[in-house]
Amino acid sequence: MQYQEDIFETMHVHNTTTIEGNKLSENQVGDLLEKGIVPEDKSLREVNEVQNLCRSGSIRRLTREKSLSSSS
């Protein structure tokens, strides 16, 4: 299940940042998020954009999980 969530997150982050003009490929996004590998030929702005979008999704997930567990 975690593997599928990781793939979805990579695809979501890639597609969302691509709309905004980010040039990282889906493979580069996956390597950055899963392995911490920063592409050498991309700008710091593009790398930060991917990392920040991923963090914001993680925060939303944690908040939702905490809310669901406290309402039980």
PDB file of N, CA and C in Angstrom:
ATOM      1  N   MET A   1       0.815  -1.187   0.000  1.00  0.00           N
ATOM      2  CA  MET A   1       0.000   0.000   0.000  1.00  0.00           C
ATOM      3  C   MET A   1       0.864   1.260   0.000  1.00  0.00           C
ATOM      4  N   GLN A   2       1.931   1.284   0.807  1.00  0.00           N
ATOM      5  CA  GLN A   2       2.812   2.454   0.875  1.00  0.00           C
ATOM      6  C   GLN A   2       3.451   2.736  -0.484  1.00  0.00           C
ATOM      7  N   TYR A   3       3.812   1.686  -1.213  1.00  0.00           N
ATOM      8  CA  TYR A   3       4.419   1.843  -2.532  1.00  0.00           C
ATOM      9  C   TYR A   3       3.474   2.588  -3.472  1.00  0.00           C
ATOM     10  N   GLN A   4       2.199   2.222  -3.457  1.00  0.00           N
ATOM     11  CA  GLN A   4       1.216   2.888  -4.310  1.00  0.00           C
ATOM     12  C   GLN A   4       1.036   4.348  -3.906  1.00  0.00           C
ATOM     13  N   GLU A   5       1.056   4.626  -2.609  1.00  0.00           N
ATOM     14  CA  GLU A   5       0.936   6.004  -2.133  1.00  0.00           C
ATOM     15  C   GLU A   5       2.141   6.832  -2.580  1.00  0.00           C
ATOM     16  N   ASP A   6       3.330   6.232  -2.537  1.00  0.00           N
ATOM     17  CA  ASP A   6       4.543   6.927  -2.973  1.00  0.00           C
ATOM     18  C   ASP A   6       4.472   7.255  -4.460  1.00  0.00           C
ATOM     19  N   ILE A   7       4.008   6.319  -5.257  1.00  0.00           N
ATOM     20  CA  ILE A   7       3.874   6.550  -6.697  1.00  0.00           C
ATOM     21  C   ILE A   7       2.863   7.657  -6.964  1.00  0.00           C
ATOM     22  N   PHE A   8       1.735   7.605  -6.279  1.00  0.00           N
ATOM     23  CA  PHE A   8       0.712   8.636  -6.461  1.00  0.00           C
ATOM     24  C   PHE A   8       1.266  10.000  -6.061  1.00  0.00           C
ATOM     25  N   GLU A   9       1.967  10.065  -4.939  1.00  0.00           N
ATOM     26  CA  GLU A   9       2.521  11.341  -4.485  1.00  0.00           C
ATOM     27  C   GLU A   9       3.512  11.897  -5.501  1.00  0.00           C
ATOM     28  N   THR A  10       4.381  11.052  -6.029  1.00  0.00           N
ATOM     29  CA  THR A  10       5.341  11.486  -7.042  1.00  0.00           C
ATOM     30  C   THR A  10       4.622  12.020  -8.270  1.00  0.00           C
ATOM     31  N   MET A  11       3.629  11.305  -8.741  1.00  0.00           N
ATOM     32  CA  MET A  11       2.878  11.742  -9.920  1.00  0.00           C
ATOM     33  C   MET A  11       2.148  13.052  -9.639  1.00  0.00           C
ATOM     34  N   HIS A  12       1.520  13.153  -8.478  1.00  0.00           N
ATOM     35  CA  HIS A  12       0.779  14.363  -8.113  1.00  0.00           C
ATOM     36  C   HIS A  12       1.722  15.568  -8.054  1.00  0.00           C
ATOM     37  N   VAL A  13       2.844  15.416  -7.359  1.00  0.00           N
ATOM     38  CA  VAL A  13       3.797  16.525  -7.225  1.00  0.00           C
ATOM     39  C   VAL A  13       4.353  16.907  -8.594  1.00  0.00           C
ATOM     40  N   HIS A  14       4.709  15.917  -9.391  1.00  0.00           N
ATOM     41  CA  HIS A  14       5.240  16.208 -10.726  1.00  0.00           C
ATOM     42  C   HIS A  14       4.221  16.956 -11.577  1.00  0.00           C
ATOM     43  N   ASN A  15       3.015  16.444 -11.646  1.00  0.00           N
ATOM     44  CA  ASN A  15       1.993  17.069 -12.496  1.00  0.00           C
ATOM     45  C   ASN A  15       1.631  18.474 -12.010  1.00  0.00           C
ATOM     46  N   THR A  16       1.535  18.649 -10.707  1.00  0.00           N
ATOM     47  CA  THR A  16       1.181  19.953 -10.158  1.00  0.00           C
ATOM     48  C   THR A  16       2.270  20.985 -10.418  1.00  0.00           C
ATOM     49  N   THR A  17       3.526  20.604 -10.206  1.00  0.00           N
ATOM     50  CA  THR A  17       4.607  21.570 -10.426  1.00  0.00           C
ATOM     51  C   THR A  17       4.861  21.805 -11.909  1.00  0.00           C
ATOM     52  N   THR A  18       4.596  20.814 -12.747  1.00  0.00           N
ATOM     53  CA  THR A  18       4.748  20.997 -14.187  1.00  0.00           C
ATOM     54  C   THR A  18       3.782  22.065 -14.696  1.00  0.00           C
ATOM     55  N   ILE A  19       2.568  22.071 -14.174  1.00  0.00           N
ATOM     56  CA  ILE A  19       1.587  23.090 -14.551  1.00  0.00           C
ATOM     57  C   ILE A  19       2.141  24.487 -14.277  1.00  0.00           C
ATOM     58  N   GLU A  20       2.926  24.604 -13.211  1.00  0.00           N
ATOM     59  CA  GLU A  20       3.497  25.894 -12.827  1.00  0.00           C
ATOM     60  C   GLU A  20       4.811  26.200 -13.555  1.00  0.00           C
ATOM     61  N   GLY A  21       5.235  25.310 -14.459  1.00  0.00           N
ATOM     62  CA  GLY A  21       6.437  25.572 -15.251  1.00  0.00           C
ATOM     63  C   GLY A  21       7.695  24.871 -14.780  1.00  0.00           C
ATOM     64  N   ASN A  22       7.579  24.000 -13.779  1.00  0.00           N
ATOM     65  CA  ASN A  22       8.736  23.264 -13.291  1.00  0.00           C
ATOM     66  C   ASN A  22       9.170  22.246 -14.345  1.00  0.00           C
ATOM     67  N   LYS A  23      10.485  22.140 -14.572  1.00  0.00           N
ATOM     68  CA  LYS A  23      11.013  21.276 -15.630  1.00  0.00           C
ATOM     69  C   LYS A  23      11.553  19.932 -15.137  1.00  0.00           C
ATOM     70  N   LEU A  24      11.385  19.604 -13.848  1.00  0.00           N
ATOM     71  CA  LEU A  24      11.843  18.305 -13.376  1.00  0.00           C
ATOM     72  C   LEU A  24      10.987  17.202 -13.990  1.00  0.00           C
ATOM     73  N   SER A  25      11.635  16.137 -14.426  1.00  0.00           N
ATOM     74  CA  SER A  25      10.897  14.998 -14.967  1.00  0.00           C
ATOM     75  C   SER A  25      10.274  14.215 -13.814  1.00  0.00           C
ATOM     76  N   GLU A  26       9.365  13.328 -14.149  1.00  0.00           N
ATOM     77  CA  GLU A  26       8.745  12.500 -13.113  1.00  0.00           C
ATOM     78  C   GLU A  26       9.797  11.647 -12.402  1.00  0.00           C
ATOM     79  N   ASN A  27      10.772  11.139 -13.141  1.00  0.00           N
ATOM     80  CA  ASN A  27      11.848  10.349 -12.524  1.00  0.00           C
ATOM     81  C   ASN A  27      12.686  11.202 -11.580  1.00  0.00           C
ATOM     82  N   GLN A  28      12.978  12.440 -11.973  1.00  0.00           N
ATOM     83  CA  GLN A  28      13.754  13.325 -11.113  1.00  0.00           C
ATOM     84  C   GLN A  28      12.981  13.670  -9.840  1.00  0.00           C
ATOM     85  N   VAL A  29      11.678  13.886  -9.964  1.00  0.00           N
ATOM     86  CA  VAL A  29      10.840  14.151  -8.790  1.00  0.00           C
ATOM     87  C   VAL A  29      10.869  12.938  -7.859  1.00  0.00           C
ATOM     88  N   GLY A  30      10.715  11.747  -8.423  1.00  0.00           N
ATOM     89  CA  GLY A  30      10.746  10.530  -7.619  1.00  0.00           C
ATOM     90  C   GLY A  30      12.075  10.355  -6.902  1.00  0.00           C
ATOM     91  N   ASP A  31      13.175  10.572  -7.621  1.00  0.00           N
ATOM     92  CA  ASP A  31      14.498  10.448  -6.998  1.00  0.00           C
ATOM     93  C   ASP A  31      14.694  11.471  -5.890  1.00  0.00           C
ATOM     94  N   LEU A  32      14.214  12.685  -6.111  1.00  0.00           N
ATOM     95  CA  LEU A  32      14.346  13.733  -5.103  1.00  0.00           C
ATOM     96  C   LEU A  32      13.533  13.388  -3.856  1.00  0.00           C
ATOM     97  N   LEU A  33      12.294  12.973  -4.040  1.00  0.00           N
ATOM     98  CA  LEU A  33      11.427  12.694  -2.894  1.00  0.00           C
ATOM     99  C   LEU A  33      11.789  11.408  -2.170  1.00  0.00           C
ATOM    100  N   GLU A  34      12.162  10.379  -2.917  1.00  0.00           N
ATOM    101  CA  GLU A  34      12.395   9.064  -2.307  1.00  0.00           C
ATOM    102  C   GLU A  34      13.837   8.849  -1.859  1.00  0.00           C
ATOM    103  N   LYS A  35      14.790   9.435  -2.602  1.00  0.00           N
ATOM    104  CA  LYS A  35      16.207   9.161  -2.322  1.00  0.00           C
ATOM    105  C   LYS A  35      17.000  10.398  -1.946  1.00  0.00           C
ATOM    106  N   GLY A  36      16.378  11.574  -2.078  1.00  0.00           N
ATOM    107  CA  GLY A  36      17.087  12.809  -1.763  1.00  0.00           C
ATOM    108  C   GLY A  36      18.104  13.220  -2.815  1.00  0.00           C
ATOM    109  N   ILE A  37      17.991  12.671  -4.022  1.00  0.00           N
ATOM    110  CA  ILE A  37      18.922  12.986  -5.100  1.00  0.00           C
ATOM    111  C   ILE A  37      18.468  14.266  -5.801  1.00  0.00           C
ATOM    112  N   VAL A  38      19.298  15.300  -5.722  1.00  0.00           N
ATOM    113  CA  VAL A  38      18.983  16.593  -6.334  1.00  0.00           C
ATOM    114  C   VAL A  38      19.542  16.610  -7.756  1.00  0.00           C
ATOM    115  N   PRO A  39      18.696  16.880  -8.755  1.00  0.00           N
ATOM    116  CA  PRO A  39      19.171  16.946 -10.135  1.00  0.00           C
ATOM    117  C   PRO A  39      20.168  18.099 -10.309  1.00  0.00           C
ATOM    118  N   GLU A  40      21.279  17.834 -10.955  1.00  0.00           N
ATOM    119  CA  GLU A  40      22.326  18.843 -11.107  1.00  0.00           C
ATOM    120  C   GLU A  40      21.943  19.949 -12.087  1.00  0.00           C
ATOM    121  N   ASP A  41      21.114  19.634 -13.060  1.00  0.00           N
ATOM    122  CA  ASP A  41      20.834  20.593 -14.128  1.00  0.00           C
ATOM    123  C   ASP A  41      19.571  21.411 -13.907  1.00  0.00           C
ATOM    124  N   LYS A  42      19.026  21.399 -12.692  1.00  0.00           N
ATOM    125  CA  LYS A  42      17.791  22.126 -12.405  1.00  0.00           C
ATOM    126  C   LYS A  42      18.062  23.223 -11.375  1.00  0.00           C
ATOM    127  N   SER A  43      17.217  24.238 -11.384  1.00  0.00           N
ATOM    128  CA  SER A  43      17.411  25.366 -10.476  1.00  0.00           C
ATOM    129  C   SER A  43      16.981  25.011  -9.053  1.00  0.00           C
ATOM    130  N   LEU A  44      17.520  25.768  -8.116  1.00  0.00           N
ATOM    131  CA  LEU A  44      17.150  25.589  -6.712  1.00  0.00           C
ATOM    132  C   LEU A  44      15.662  25.876  -6.525  1.00  0.00           C
ATOM    133  N   ARG A  45      15.121  26.837  -7.263  1.00  0.00           N
ATOM    134  CA  ARG A  45      13.694  27.157  -7.183  1.00  0.00           C
ATOM    135  C   ARG A  45      12.853  25.938  -7.534  1.00  0.00           C
ATOM    136  N   GLU A  46      13.226  25.214  -8.598  1.00  0.00           N
ATOM    137  CA  GLU A  46      12.456  24.034  -9.010  1.00  0.00           C
ATOM    138  C   GLU A  46      12.533  22.932  -7.964  1.00  0.00           C
ATOM    139  N   VAL A  47      13.719  22.733  -7.409  1.00  0.00           N
ATOM    140  CA  VAL A  47      13.900  21.703  -6.378  1.00  0.00           C
ATOM    141  C   VAL A  47      13.089  22.063  -5.134  1.00  0.00           C
ATOM    142  N   ASN A  48      13.173  23.319  -4.701  1.00  0.00           N
ATOM    143  CA  ASN A  48      12.420  23.762  -3.523  1.00  0.00           C
ATOM    144  C   ASN A  48      10.916  23.659  -3.740  1.00  0.00           C
ATOM    145  N   GLU A  49      10.470  23.968  -4.939  1.00  0.00           N
ATOM    146  CA  GLU A  49       9.041  23.887  -5.249  1.00  0.00           C
ATOM    147  C   GLU A  49       8.521  22.465  -5.050  1.00  0.00           C
ATOM    148  N   VAL A  50       9.278  21.490  -5.529  1.00  0.00           N
ATOM    149  CA  VAL A  50       8.894  20.079  -5.383  1.00  0.00           C
ATOM    150  C   VAL A  50       8.892  19.683  -3.906  1.00  0.00           C
ATOM    151  N   GLN A  51       9.950  20.025  -3.203  1.00  0.00           N
ATOM    152  CA  GLN A  51      10.049  19.654  -1.789  1.00  0.00           C
ATOM    153  C   GLN A  51       8.956  20.317  -0.951  1.00  0.00           C
ATOM    154  N   ASN A  52       8.679  21.574  -1.216  1.00  0.00           N
ATOM    155  CA  ASN A  52       7.652  22.286  -0.450  1.00  0.00           C
ATOM    156  C   ASN A  52       6.256  21.735  -0.702  1.00  0.00           C
ATOM    157  N   LEU A  53       5.959  21.397  -1.953  1.00  0.00           N
ATOM    158  CA  LEU A  53       4.648  20.817  -2.243  1.00  0.00           C
ATOM    159  C   LEU A  53       4.502  19.468  -1.546  1.00  0.00           C
ATOM    160  N   CYS A  54       5.553  18.691  -1.543  1.00  0.00           N
ATOM    161  CA  CYS A  54       5.520  17.390  -0.861  1.00  0.00           C
ATOM    162  C   CYS A  54       5.304  17.586   0.643  1.00  0.00           C
ATOM    163  N   ARG A  55       6.011  18.541   1.238  1.00  0.00           N
ATOM    164  CA  ARG A  55       5.842  18.809   2.677  1.00  0.00           C
ATOM    165  C   ARG A  55       4.419  19.250   2.997  1.00  0.00           C
ATOM    166  N   SER A  56       3.863  20.092   2.145  1.00  0.00           N
ATOM    167  CA  SER A  56       2.505  20.575   2.428  1.00  0.00           C
ATOM    168  C   SER A  56       1.509  19.422   2.384  1.00  0.00           C
ATOM    169  N   GLY A  57       1.702  18.486   1.482  1.00  0.00           N
ATOM    170  CA  GLY A  57       0.839  17.301   1.432  1.00  0.00           C
ATOM    171  C   GLY A  57       0.994  16.439   2.661  1.00  0.00           C
ATOM    172  N   SER A  58       2.219  16.308   3.157  1.00  0.00           N
ATOM    173  CA  SER A  58       2.473  15.512   4.361  1.00  0.00           C
ATOM    174  C   SER A  58       1.815  16.138   5.574  1.00  0.00           C
ATOM    175  N   ILE A  59       1.880  17.448   5.671  1.00  0.00           N
ATOM    176  CA  ILE A  59       1.266  18.147   6.800  1.00  0.00           C
ATOM    177  C   ILE A  59      -0.252  17.965   6.765  1.00  0.00           C
ATOM    178  N   ARG A  60      -0.844  18.086   5.572  1.00  0.00           N
ATOM    179  CA  ARG A  60      -2.294  17.892   5.449  1.00  0.00           C
ATOM    180  C   ARG A  60      -2.690  16.480   5.862  1.00  0.00           C
ATOM    181  N   ARG A  61      -1.911  15.481   5.437  1.00  0.00           N
ATOM    182  CA  ARG A  61      -2.211  14.090   5.793  1.00  0.00           C
ATOM    183  C   ARG A  61      -2.139  13.879   7.300  1.00  0.00           C
ATOM    184  N   LEU A  62      -1.082  14.394   7.921  1.00  0.00           N
ATOM    185  CA  LEU A  62      -0.921  14.224   9.370  1.00  0.00           C
ATOM    186  C   LEU A  62      -2.039  14.910  10.135  1.00  0.00           C
ATOM    187  N   THR A  63      -2.418  16.093   9.694  1.00  0.00           N
ATOM    188  CA  THR A  63      -3.508  16.823  10.348  1.00  0.00           C
ATOM    189  C   THR A  63      -4.810  16.053  10.214  1.00  0.00           C
ATOM    190  N   ARG A  64      -5.087  15.528   9.032  1.00  0.00           N
ATOM    191  CA  ARG A  64      -6.316  14.766   8.807  1.00  0.00           C
ATOM    192  C   ARG A  64      -6.325  13.496   9.659  1.00  0.00           C
ATOM    193  N   GLU A  65      -5.192  12.774   9.705  1.00  0.00           N
ATOM    194  CA  GLU A  65      -5.113  11.547  10.497  1.00  0.00           C
ATOM    195  C   GLU A  65      -5.315  11.841  11.978  1.00  0.00           C
ATOM    196  N   LYS A  66      -4.714  12.925  12.453  1.00  0.00           N
ATOM    197  CA  LYS A  66      -4.851  13.288  13.863  1.00  0.00           C
ATOM    198  C   LYS A  66      -6.298  13.662  14.169  1.00  0.00           C
ATOM    199  N   SER A  67      -6.929  14.379  13.265  1.00  0.00           N
ATOM    200  CA  SER A  67      -8.322  14.761  13.444  1.00  0.00           C
ATOM    201  C   SER A  67      -9.219  13.539  13.487  1.00  0.00           C
ATOM    202  N   LEU A  68      -8.972  12.589  12.597  1.00  0.00           N
ATOM    203  CA  LEU A  68      -9.788  11.376  12.563  1.00  0.00           C
ATOM    204  C   LEU A  68      -9.595  10.546  13.816  1.00  0.00           C
ATOM    205  N   SER A  69      -8.359  10.457  14.313  1.00  0.00           N
ATOM    206  CA  SER A  69      -8.113   9.630  15.492  1.00  0.00           C
ATOM    207  C   SER A  69      -8.667  10.276  16.759  1.00  0.00           C
ATOM    208  N   SER A  70      -8.699  11.587  16.820  1.00  0.00           N
ATOM    209  CA  SER A  70      -9.220  12.245  18.011  1.00  0.00           C
ATOM    210  C   SER A  70     -10.747  12.243  18.061  1.00  0.00           C
ATOM    211  N   SER A  71     -11.385  12.062  16.902  1.00  0.00           N
ATOM    212  CA  SER A  71     -12.843  12.026  16.886  1.00  0.00           C
ATOM    213  C   SER A  71     -13.389  10.640  17.188  1.00  0.00           C
ATOM    214  N   SER A  72     -12.507   9.662  17.298  1.00  0.00           N
ATOM    215  CA  SER A  72     -12.954   8.283  17.582  1.00  0.00           C
ATOM    216  C   SER A  72     -13.213   8.071  19.040  1.00  0.00           C
TER     217      SER A  72
END
